[in-house]
Amino acid sequence: MKAIVELTVVPIGAGISVSPYVAACERAPRKAGLKTALHAYGTNIEGEWDSIFDAIKKCHQVVHEMGAPRIFTTLKVGTRIDREQSMEDKIRSVE
């Protein structure tokens, strides 16, 4: 099943700047061949459900390996089965 996910990862106990953690996390879905779009407060990910959630798990693993003792993650997940829709399609329909 295809999905579009908005992922926001907040490392806790990792200091003030979380940019290195976000950058490391954002690489996980790209390495998995998923389409991503970084924005000010998270990352949009488009692809197959299982691939996306595998990448989210890898994201958590790498952020913990970097020293973050806790992670707070927010997900928004959208799926549809009536037709295919990309992130760009959703934006174009609003514009």
PDB file of N, CA and C in Angstrom:
ATOM      1  N   MET A   1       0.855  -1.174   0.000  1.00  0.00           N
ATOM      2  CA  MET A   1       0.000   0.000   0.000  1.00  0.00           C
ATOM      3  C   MET A   1       0.900   1.235   0.000  1.00  0.00           C
ATOM      4  N   LYS A   2       0.602   2.175  -0.876  1.00  0.00           N
ATOM      5  CA  LYS A   2       1.346   3.428  -0.945  1.00  0.00           C
ATOM      6  C   LYS A   2       0.866   4.373   0.145  1.00  0.00           C
ATOM      7  N   ALA A   3       1.783   5.208   0.621  1.00  0.00           N
ATOM      8  CA  ALA A   3       1.449   6.167   1.668  1.00  0.00           C
ATOM      9  C   ALA A   3       2.277   7.424   1.494  1.00  0.00           C
ATOM     10  N   ILE A   4       1.764   8.496   2.067  1.00  0.00           N
ATOM     11  CA  ILE A   4       2.524   9.728   2.233  1.00  0.00           C
ATOM     12  C   ILE A   4       2.521  10.002   3.727  1.00  0.00           C
ATOM     13  N   VAL A   5       3.711  10.194   4.283  1.00  0.00           N
ATOM     14  CA  VAL A   5       3.880  10.353   5.722  1.00  0.00           C
ATOM     15  C   VAL A   5       4.588  11.672   6.004  1.00  0.00           C
ATOM     16  N   GLU A   6       4.130  12.345   7.039  1.00  0.00           N
ATOM     17  CA  GLU A   6       4.878  13.479   7.574  1.00  0.00           C
ATOM     18  C   GLU A   6       5.530  12.997   8.859  1.00  0.00           C
ATOM     19  N   LEU A   7       6.849  13.096   8.927  1.00  0.00           N
ATOM     20  CA  LEU A   7       7.633  12.607  10.052  1.00  0.00           C
ATOM     21  C   LEU A   7       8.329  13.780  10.730  1.00  0.00           C
ATOM     22  N   THR A   8       8.130  13.900  12.023  1.00  0.00           N
ATOM     23  CA  THR A   8       8.862  14.883  12.821  1.00  0.00           C
ATOM     24  C   THR A   8       9.518  14.136  13.961  1.00  0.00           C
ATOM     25  N   VAL A   9      10.829  14.216  14.033  1.00  0.00           N
ATOM     26  CA  VAL A   9      11.613  13.524  15.045  1.00  0.00           C
ATOM     27  C   VAL A   9      12.274  14.563  15.945  1.00  0.00           C
ATOM     28  N   VAL A  10      12.067  14.416  17.253  1.00  0.00           N
ATOM     29  CA  VAL A  10      12.652  15.341  18.221  1.00  0.00           C
ATOM     30  C   VAL A  10      13.534  14.542  19.182  1.00  0.00           C
ATOM     31  N   PRO A  11      14.861  14.638  19.025  1.00  0.00           N
ATOM     32  CA  PRO A  11      15.745  13.981  19.978  1.00  0.00           C
ATOM     33  C   PRO A  11      15.664  14.715  21.322  1.00  0.00           C
ATOM     34  N   ILE A  12      15.541  13.967  22.393  1.00  0.00           N
ATOM     35  CA  ILE A  12      15.465  14.563  23.724  1.00  0.00           C
ATOM     36  C   ILE A  12      16.751  14.226  24.469  1.00  0.00           C
ATOM     37  N   GLY A  13      17.311  15.242  25.106  1.00  0.00           N
ATOM     38  CA  GLY A  13      18.562  15.053  25.824  1.00  0.00           C
ATOM     39  C   GLY A  13      19.761  15.130  24.911  1.00  0.00           C
ATOM     40  N   ALA A  14      19.580  15.757  23.749  1.00  0.00           N
ATOM     41  CA  ALA A  14      20.644  15.822  22.753  1.00  0.00           C
ATOM     42  C   ALA A  14      21.203  17.234  22.575  1.00  0.00           C
ATOM     43  N   GLY A  15      20.787  18.166  23.424  1.00  0.00           N
ATOM     44  CA  GLY A  15      21.274  19.529  23.303  1.00  0.00           C
ATOM     45  C   GLY A  15      20.294  20.424  22.576  1.00  0.00           C
ATOM     46  N   ILE A  16      20.729  21.652  22.352  1.00  0.00           N
ATOM     47  CA  ILE A  16      19.865  22.672  21.754  1.00  0.00           C
ATOM     48  C   ILE A  16      19.669  22.442  20.261  1.00  0.00           C
ATOM     49  N   SER A  17      20.753  22.302  19.521  1.00  0.00           N
ATOM     50  CA  SER A  17      20.660  22.131  18.070  1.00  0.00           C
ATOM     51  C   SER A  17      20.449  20.663  17.733  1.00  0.00           C
ATOM     52  N   VAL A  18      19.400  20.384  17.000  1.00  0.00           N
ATOM     53  CA  VAL A  18      19.119  18.999  16.609  1.00  0.00           C
ATOM     54  C   VAL A  18      19.385  18.758  15.121  1.00  0.00           C
ATOM     55  N   SER A  19      19.936  19.747  14.433  1.00  0.00           N
ATOM     56  CA  SER A  19      20.169  19.631  12.989  1.00  0.00           C
ATOM     57  C   SER A  19      20.944  18.381  12.591  1.00  0.00           C
ATOM     58  N   PRO A  20      22.037  18.023  13.278  1.00  0.00           N
ATOM     59  CA  PRO A  20      22.766  16.810  12.868  1.00  0.00           C
ATOM     60  C   PRO A  20      21.911  15.546  12.979  1.00  0.00           C
ATOM     61  N   TYR A  21      21.055  15.491  13.978  1.00  0.00           N
ATOM     62  CA  TYR A  21      20.183  14.336  14.166  1.00  0.00           C
ATOM     63  C   TYR A  21      19.129  14.270  13.059  1.00  0.00           C
ATOM     64  N   VAL A  22      18.566  15.417  12.746  1.00  0.00           N
ATOM     65  CA  VAL A  22      17.554  15.479  11.684  1.00  0.00           C
ATOM     66  C   VAL A  22      18.179  15.082  10.346  1.00  0.00           C
ATOM     67  N   ALA A  23      19.383  15.580  10.078  1.00  0.00           N
ATOM     68  CA  ALA A  23      20.059  15.252   8.820  1.00  0.00           C
ATOM     69  C   ALA A  23      20.334  13.753   8.728  1.00  0.00           C
ATOM     70  N   ALA A  24      20.797  13.162   9.813  1.00  0.00           N
ATOM     71  CA  ALA A  24      21.080  11.721   9.819  1.00  0.00           C
ATOM     72  C   ALA A  24      19.797  10.922   9.637  1.00  0.00           C
ATOM     73  N   CYS A  25      18.741  11.356  10.288  1.00  0.00           N
ATOM     74  CA  CYS A  25      17.454  10.670  10.185  1.00  0.00           C
ATOM     75  C   CYS A  25      16.900  10.771   8.773  1.00  0.00           C
ATOM     76  N   GLU A  26      17.026  11.923   8.156  1.00  0.00           N
ATOM     77  CA  GLU A  26      16.468  12.152   6.821  1.00  0.00           C
ATOM     78  C   GLU A  26      17.151  11.285   5.770  1.00  0.00           C
ATOM     79  N   ARG A  27      18.387  10.878   6.033  1.00  0.00           N
ATOM     80  CA  ARG A  27      19.098  10.022   5.074  1.00  0.00           C
ATOM     81  C   ARG A  27      18.496   8.618   5.000  1.00  0.00           C
ATOM     82  N   ALA A  28      17.879   8.134   6.070  1.00  0.00           N
ATOM     83  CA  ALA A  28      17.344   6.756   6.089  1.00  0.00           C
ATOM     84  C   ALA A  28      16.315   6.514   4.992  1.00  0.00           C
ATOM     85  N   PRO A  29      15.294   7.352   4.848  1.00  0.00           N
ATOM     86  CA  PRO A  29      14.340   7.086   3.764  1.00  0.00           C
ATOM     87  C   PRO A  29      14.938   7.289   2.373  1.00  0.00           C
ATOM     88  N   ARG A  30      15.852   8.246   2.237  1.00  0.00           N
ATOM     89  CA  ARG A  30      16.482   8.442   0.923  1.00  0.00           C
ATOM     90  C   ARG A  30      17.309   7.229   0.532  1.00  0.00           C
ATOM     91  N   LYS A  31      18.055   6.657   1.493  1.00  0.00           N
ATOM     92  CA  LYS A  31      18.853   5.456   1.213  1.00  0.00           C
ATOM     93  C   LYS A  31      17.956   4.285   0.828  1.00  0.00           C
ATOM     94  N   ALA A  32      16.723   4.277   1.324  1.00  0.00           N
ATOM     95  CA  ALA A  32      15.765   3.214   0.999  1.00  0.00           C
ATOM     96  C   ALA A  32      15.093   3.453  -0.346  1.00  0.00           C
ATOM     97  N   GLY A  33      15.454   4.542  -1.028  1.00  0.00           N
ATOM     98  CA  GLY A  33      14.878   4.833  -2.338  1.00  0.00           C
ATOM     99  C   GLY A  33      13.520   5.506  -2.282  1.00  0.00           C
ATOM    100  N   LEU A  34      13.165   6.031  -1.105  1.00  0.00           N
ATOM    101  CA  LEU A  34      11.878   6.709  -0.957  1.00  0.00           C
ATOM    102  C   LEU A  34      12.017   8.181  -1.327  1.00  0.00           C
ATOM    103  N   LYS A  35      10.941   8.749  -1.813  1.00  0.00           N
ATOM    104  CA  LYS A  35      10.917  10.172  -2.139  1.00  0.00           C
ATOM    105  C   LYS A  35      10.715  10.947  -0.841  1.00  0.00           C
ATOM    106  N   THR A  36      11.542  11.982  -0.622  1.00  0.00           N
ATOM    107  CA  THR A  36      11.426  12.795   0.586  1.00  0.00           C
ATOM    108  C   THR A  36      11.355  14.272   0.224  1.00  0.00           C
ATOM    109  N   ALA A  37      10.768  15.036   1.123  1.00  0.00           N
ATOM    110  CA  ALA A  37      10.741  16.494   0.997  1.00  0.00           C
ATOM    111  C   ALA A  37      10.902  17.064   2.400  1.00  0.00           C
ATOM    112  N   LEU A  38      12.067  17.622   2.654  1.00  0.00           N
ATOM    113  CA  LEU A  38      12.361  18.233   3.942  1.00  0.00           C
ATOM    114  C   LEU A  38      11.631  19.563   4.032  1.00  0.00           C
ATOM    115  N   HIS A  39      11.044  19.853   5.186  1.00  0.00           N
ATOM    116  CA  HIS A  39      10.437  21.172   5.399  1.00  0.00           C
ATOM    117  C   HIS A  39      10.827  21.662   6.782  1.00  0.00           C
ATOM    118  N   ALA A  40      10.356  22.816   7.182  1.00  0.00           N
ATOM    119  CA  ALA A  40      10.837  23.484   8.389  1.00  0.00           C
ATOM    120  C   ALA A  40      10.665  22.672   9.666  1.00  0.00           C
ATOM    121  N   TYR A  41       9.629  21.869   9.740  1.00  0.00           N
ATOM    122  CA  TYR A  41       9.374  21.116  10.968  1.00  0.00           C
ATOM    123  C   TYR A  41       9.206  19.626  10.744  1.00  0.00           C
ATOM    124  N   GLY A  42       9.880  19.092   9.741  1.00  0.00           N
ATOM    125  CA  GLY A  42       9.804  17.659   9.521  1.00  0.00           C
ATOM    126  C   GLY A  42      10.170  17.266   8.111  1.00  0.00           C
ATOM    127  N   THR A  43       9.810  16.044   7.775  1.00  0.00           N
ATOM    128  CA  THR A  43      10.100  15.485   6.460  1.00  0.00           C
ATOM    129  C   THR A  43       8.863  14.755   5.954  1.00  0.00           C
ATOM    130  N   ASN A  44       8.496  15.004   4.715  1.00  0.00           N
ATOM    131  CA  ASN A  44       7.453  14.224   4.058  1.00  0.00           C
ATOM    132  C   ASN A  44       8.135  13.057   3.352  1.00  0.00           C
ATOM    133  N   ILE A  45       7.519  11.897   3.430  1.00  0.00           N
ATOM    134  CA  ILE A  45       8.064  10.692   2.802  1.00  0.00           C
ATOM    135  C   ILE A  45       6.950  10.037   1.998  1.00  0.00           C
ATOM    136  N   GLU A  46       7.289   9.636   0.778  1.00  0.00           N
ATOM    137  CA  GLU A  46       6.318   8.986  -0.100  1.00  0.00           C
ATOM    138  C   GLU A  46       6.853   7.640  -0.544  1.00  0.00           C
ATOM    139  N   GLY A  47       6.008   6.614  -0.463  1.00  0.00           N
ATOM    140  CA  GLY A  47       6.435   5.300  -0.921  1.00  0.00           C
ATOM    141  C   GLY A  47       5.547   4.206  -0.389  1.00  0.00           C
ATOM    142  N   GLU A  48       6.053   2.990  -0.401  1.00  0.00           N
ATOM    143  CA  GLU A  48       5.319   1.842   0.114  1.00  0.00           C
ATOM    144  C   GLU A  48       5.330   1.857   1.642  1.00  0.00           C
ATOM    145  N   TRP A  49       4.186   1.511   2.228  1.00  0.00           N
ATOM    146  CA  TRP A  49       3.983   1.530   3.683  1.00  0.00           C
ATOM    147  C   TRP A  49       5.142   0.863   4.430  1.00  0.00           C
ATOM    148  N   ASP A  50       5.449  -0.393   4.086  1.00  0.00           N
ATOM    149  CA  ASP A  50       6.476  -1.134   4.818  1.00  0.00           C
ATOM    150  C   ASP A  50       7.848  -0.482   4.682  1.00  0.00           C
ATOM    151  N   SER A  51       8.168   0.014   3.511  1.00  0.00           N
ATOM    152  CA  SER A  51       9.460   0.673   3.301  1.00  0.00           C
ATOM    153  C   SER A  51       9.569   1.942   4.135  1.00  0.00           C
ATOM    154  N   ILE A  52       8.489   2.697   4.202  1.00  0.00           N
ATOM    155  CA  ILE A  52       8.487   3.921   5.000  1.00  0.00           C
ATOM    156  C   ILE A  52       8.711   3.598   6.473  1.00  0.00           C
ATOM    157  N   PHE A  53       7.973   2.624   6.989  1.00  0.00           N
ATOM    158  CA  PHE A  53       8.096   2.325   8.413  1.00  0.00           C
ATOM    159  C   PHE A  53       9.418   1.648   8.756  1.00  0.00           C
ATOM    160  N   ASP A  54      10.004   0.911   7.824  1.00  0.00           N
ATOM    161  CA  ASP A  54      11.366   0.398   8.019  1.00  0.00           C
ATOM    162  C   ASP A  54      12.356   1.555   8.115  1.00  0.00           C
ATOM    163  N   ALA A  55      12.180   2.561   7.253  1.00  0.00           N
ATOM    164  CA  ALA A  55      13.071   3.722   7.267  1.00  0.00           C
ATOM    165  C   ALA A  55      12.915   4.520   8.565  1.00  0.00           C
ATOM    166  N   ILE A  56      11.699   4.623   9.077  1.00  0.00           N
ATOM    167  CA  ILE A  56      11.477   5.325  10.341  1.00  0.00           C
ATOM    168  C   ILE A  56      12.186   4.590  11.477  1.00  0.00           C
ATOM    169  N   LYS A  57      12.139   3.263  11.455  1.00  0.00           N
ATOM    170  CA  LYS A  57      12.854   2.484  12.472  1.00  0.00           C
ATOM    171  C   LYS A  57      14.357   2.749  12.379  1.00  0.00           C
ATOM    172  N   LYS A  58      14.892   2.761  11.158  1.00  0.00           N
ATOM    173  CA  LYS A  58      16.323   3.036  10.974  1.00  0.00           C
ATOM    174  C   LYS A  58      16.669   4.435  11.450  1.00  0.00           C
ATOM    175  N   CYS A  59      15.776   5.374  11.213  1.00  0.00           N
ATOM    176  CA  CYS A  59      15.967   6.740  11.684  1.00  0.00           C
ATOM    177  C   CYS A  59      16.132   6.750  13.203  1.00  0.00           C
ATOM    178  N   HIS A  60      15.234   6.079  13.895  1.00  0.00           N
ATOM    179  CA  HIS A  60      15.323   6.013  15.354  1.00  0.00           C
ATOM    180  C   HIS A  60      16.627   5.351  15.789  1.00  0.00           C
ATOM    181  N   GLN A  61      17.010   4.281  15.118  1.00  0.00           N
ATOM    182  CA  GLN A  61      18.241   3.581  15.481  1.00  0.00           C
ATOM    183  C   GLN A  61      19.455   4.494  15.351  1.00  0.00           C
ATOM    184  N   VAL A  62      19.549   5.227  14.243  1.00  0.00           N
ATOM    185  CA  VAL A  62      20.715   6.076  14.016  1.00  0.00           C
ATOM    186  C   VAL A  62      20.750   7.251  14.998  1.00  0.00           C
ATOM    187  N   VAL A  63      19.600   7.815  15.315  1.00  0.00           N
ATOM    188  CA  VAL A  63      19.560   8.932  16.259  1.00  0.00           C
ATOM    189  C   VAL A  63      19.961   8.463  17.663  1.00  0.00           C
ATOM    190  N   HIS A  64      19.518   7.276  18.057  1.00  0.00           N
ATOM    191  CA  HIS A  64      19.961   6.718  19.339  1.00  0.00           C
ATOM    192  C   HIS A  64      21.468   6.444  19.312  1.00  0.00           C
ATOM    193  N   GLU A  65      21.970   5.897  18.201  1.00  0.00           N
ATOM    194  CA  GLU A  65      23.404   5.616  18.080  1.00  0.00           C
ATOM    195  C   GLU A  65      24.232   6.895  18.173  1.00  0.00           C
ATOM    196  N   MET A  66      23.650   8.017  17.778  1.00  0.00           N
ATOM    197  CA  MET A  66      24.340   9.308  17.855  1.00  0.00           C
ATOM    198  C   MET A  66      24.352   9.858  19.286  1.00  0.00           C
ATOM    199  N   GLY A  67      23.652   9.199  20.192  1.00  0.00           N
ATOM    200  CA  GLY A  67      23.701   9.609  21.583  1.00  0.00           C
ATOM    201  C   GLY A  67      22.428  10.180  22.171  1.00  0.00           C
ATOM    202  N   ALA A  68      21.374  10.291  21.389  1.00  0.00           N
ATOM    203  CA  ALA A  68      20.112  10.797  21.940  1.00  0.00           C
ATOM    204  C   ALA A  68      19.486   9.692  22.793  1.00  0.00           C
ATOM    205  N   PRO A  69      19.298   9.942  24.097  1.00  0.00           N
ATOM    206  CA  PRO A  69      18.743   8.906  24.950  1.00  0.00           C
ATOM    207  C   PRO A  69      17.246   8.681  24.746  1.00  0.00           C
ATOM    208  N   ARG A  70      16.550   9.718  24.264  1.00  0.00           N
ATOM    209  CA  ARG A  70      15.105   9.616  24.022  1.00  0.00           C
ATOM    210  C   ARG A  70      14.768  10.282  22.703  1.00  0.00           C
ATOM    211  N   ILE A  71      13.670   9.828  22.104  1.00  0.00           N
ATOM    212  CA  ILE A  71      13.184  10.429  20.857  1.00  0.00           C
ATOM    213  C   ILE A  71      11.671  10.538  20.953  1.00  0.00           C
ATOM    214  N   PHE A  72      11.165  11.706  20.589  1.00  0.00           N
ATOM    215  CA  PHE A  72       9.726  11.912  20.477  1.00  0.00           C
ATOM    216  C   PHE A  72       9.427  12.091  18.998  1.00  0.00           C
ATOM    217  N   THR A  73       8.552  11.261  18.459  1.00  0.00           N
ATOM    218  CA  THR A  73       8.240  11.298  17.024  1.00  0.00           C
ATOM    219  C   THR A  73       6.754  11.517  16.811  1.00  0.00           C
ATOM    220  N   THR A  74       6.450  12.399  15.866  1.00  0.00           N
ATOM    221  CA  THR A  74       5.080  12.626  15.448  1.00  0.00           C
ATOM    222  C   THR A  74       4.946  12.173  14.002  1.00  0.00           C
ATOM    223  N   LEU A  75       3.889  11.403  13.734  1.00  0.00           N
ATOM    224  CA  LEU A  75       3.615  10.921  12.380  1.00  0.00           C
ATOM    225  C   LEU A  75       2.219  11.328  11.955  1.00  0.00           C
ATOM    226  N   LYS A  76       2.108  11.723  10.708  1.00  0.00           N
ATOM    227  CA  LYS A  76       0.820  11.848  10.038  1.00  0.00           C
ATOM    228  C   LYS A  76       0.917  10.931   8.829  1.00  0.00           C
ATOM    229  N   VAL A  77      -0.061  10.057   8.658  1.00  0.00           N
ATOM    230  CA  VAL A  77      -0.017   9.078   7.577  1.00  0.00           C
ATOM    231  C   VAL A  77      -1.270   9.200   6.733  1.00  0.00           C
ATOM    232  N   GLY A  78      -1.078   9.295   5.431  1.00  0.00           N
ATOM    233  CA  GLY A  78      -2.205   9.333   4.509  1.00  0.00           C
ATOM    234  C   GLY A  78      -2.080   8.227   3.480  1.00  0.00           C
ATOM    235  N   THR A  79      -3.180   7.533   3.248  1.00  0.00           N
ATOM    236  CA  THR A  79      -3.233   6.524   2.185  1.00  0.00           C
ATOM    237  C   THR A  79      -4.516   6.735   1.397  1.00  0.00           C
ATOM    238  N   ARG A  80      -4.501   6.303   0.175  1.00  0.00           N
ATOM    239  CA  ARG A  80      -5.734   6.285  -0.607  1.00  0.00           C
ATOM    240  C   ARG A  80      -5.637   5.166  -1.619  1.00  0.00           C
ATOM    241  N   ILE A  81      -6.778   4.577  -1.931  1.00  0.00           N
ATOM    242  CA  ILE A  81      -6.789   3.438  -2.846  1.00  0.00           C
ATOM    243  C   ILE A  81      -7.592   3.711  -4.112  1.00  0.00           C
ATOM    244  N   ASP A  82      -8.236   4.886  -4.183  1.00  0.00           N
ATOM    245  CA  ASP A  82      -9.039   5.181  -5.367  1.00  0.00           C
ATOM    246  C   ASP A  82      -8.196   5.627  -6.550  1.00  0.00           C
ATOM    247  N   ARG A  83      -7.002   6.187  -6.265  1.00  0.00           N
ATOM    248  CA  ARG A  83      -6.087   6.583  -7.335  1.00  0.00           C
ATOM    249  C   ARG A  83      -4.720   6.863  -6.735  1.00  0.00           C
ATOM    250  N   GLU A  84      -3.713   6.913  -7.588  1.00  0.00           N
ATOM    251  CA  GLU A  84      -2.368   7.259  -7.115  1.00  0.00           C
ATOM    252  C   GLU A  84      -2.271   8.760  -6.977  1.00  0.00           C
ATOM    253  N   GLN A  85      -1.562   9.199  -5.947  1.00  0.00           N
ATOM    254  CA  GLN A  85      -1.378  10.628  -5.720  1.00  0.00           C
ATOM    255  C   GLN A  85      -0.004  10.853  -5.105  1.00  0.00           C
ATOM    256  N   SER A  86       0.754  11.773  -5.671  1.00  0.00           N
ATOM    257  CA  SER A  86       2.078  12.089  -5.157  1.00  0.00           C
ATOM    258  C   SER A  86       2.012  13.330  -4.265  1.00  0.00           C
ATOM    259  N   MET A  87       3.117  13.597  -3.599  1.00  0.00           N
ATOM    260  CA  MET A  87       3.198  14.814  -2.785  1.00  0.00           C
ATOM    261  C   MET A  87       2.982  16.048  -3.667  1.00  0.00           C
ATOM    262  N   GLU A  88       3.581  16.024  -4.854  1.00  0.00           N
ATOM    263  CA  GLU A  88       3.443  17.153  -5.772  1.00  0.00           C
ATOM    264  C   GLU A  88       1.995  17.323  -6.229  1.00  0.00           C
ATOM    265  N   ASP A  89       1.291  16.210  -6.469  1.00  0.00           N
ATOM    266  CA  ASP A  89      -0.117  16.284  -6.856  1.00  0.00           C
ATOM    267  C   ASP A  89      -0.935  16.989  -5.778  1.00  0.00           C
ATOM    268  N   LYS A  90      -0.674  16.650  -4.524  1.00  0.00           N
ATOM    269  CA  LYS A  90      -1.422  17.248  -3.419  1.00  0.00           C
ATOM    270  C   LYS A  90      -1.191  18.759  -3.354  1.00  0.00           C
ATOM    271  N   ILE A  91       0.048  19.170  -3.561  1.00  0.00           N
ATOM    272  CA  ILE A  91       0.367  20.596  -3.523  1.00  0.00           C
ATOM    273  C   ILE A  91      -0.274  21.324  -4.702  1.00  0.00           C
ATOM    274  N   ARG A  92      -0.180  20.732  -5.908  1.00  0.00           N
ATOM    275  CA  ARG A  92      -0.768  21.346  -7.106  1.00  0.00           C
ATOM    276  C   ARG A  92      -2.283  21.530  -6.947  1.00  0.00           C
ATOM    277  N   SER A  93      -2.943  20.573  -6.319  1.00  0.00           N
ATOM    278  CA  SER A  93      -4.399  20.674  -6.188  1.00  0.00           C
ATOM    279  C   SER A  93      -4.802  21.846  -5.300  1.00  0.00           C
ATOM    280  N   VAL A  94      -3.940  22.218  -4.380  1.00  0.00           N
ATOM    281  CA  VAL A  94      -4.223  23.371  -3.505  1.00  0.00           C
ATOM    282  C   VAL A  94      -3.870  24.671  -4.201  1.00  0.00           C
ATOM    283  N   GLU A  95      -2.744  24.670  -4.912  1.00  0.00           N
ATOM    284  CA  GLU A  95      -2.300  25.901  -5.583  1.00  0.00           C
ATOM    285  C   GLU A  95      -3.243  26.252  -6.714  1.00  0.00           C
TER     286      GLU A  95
END
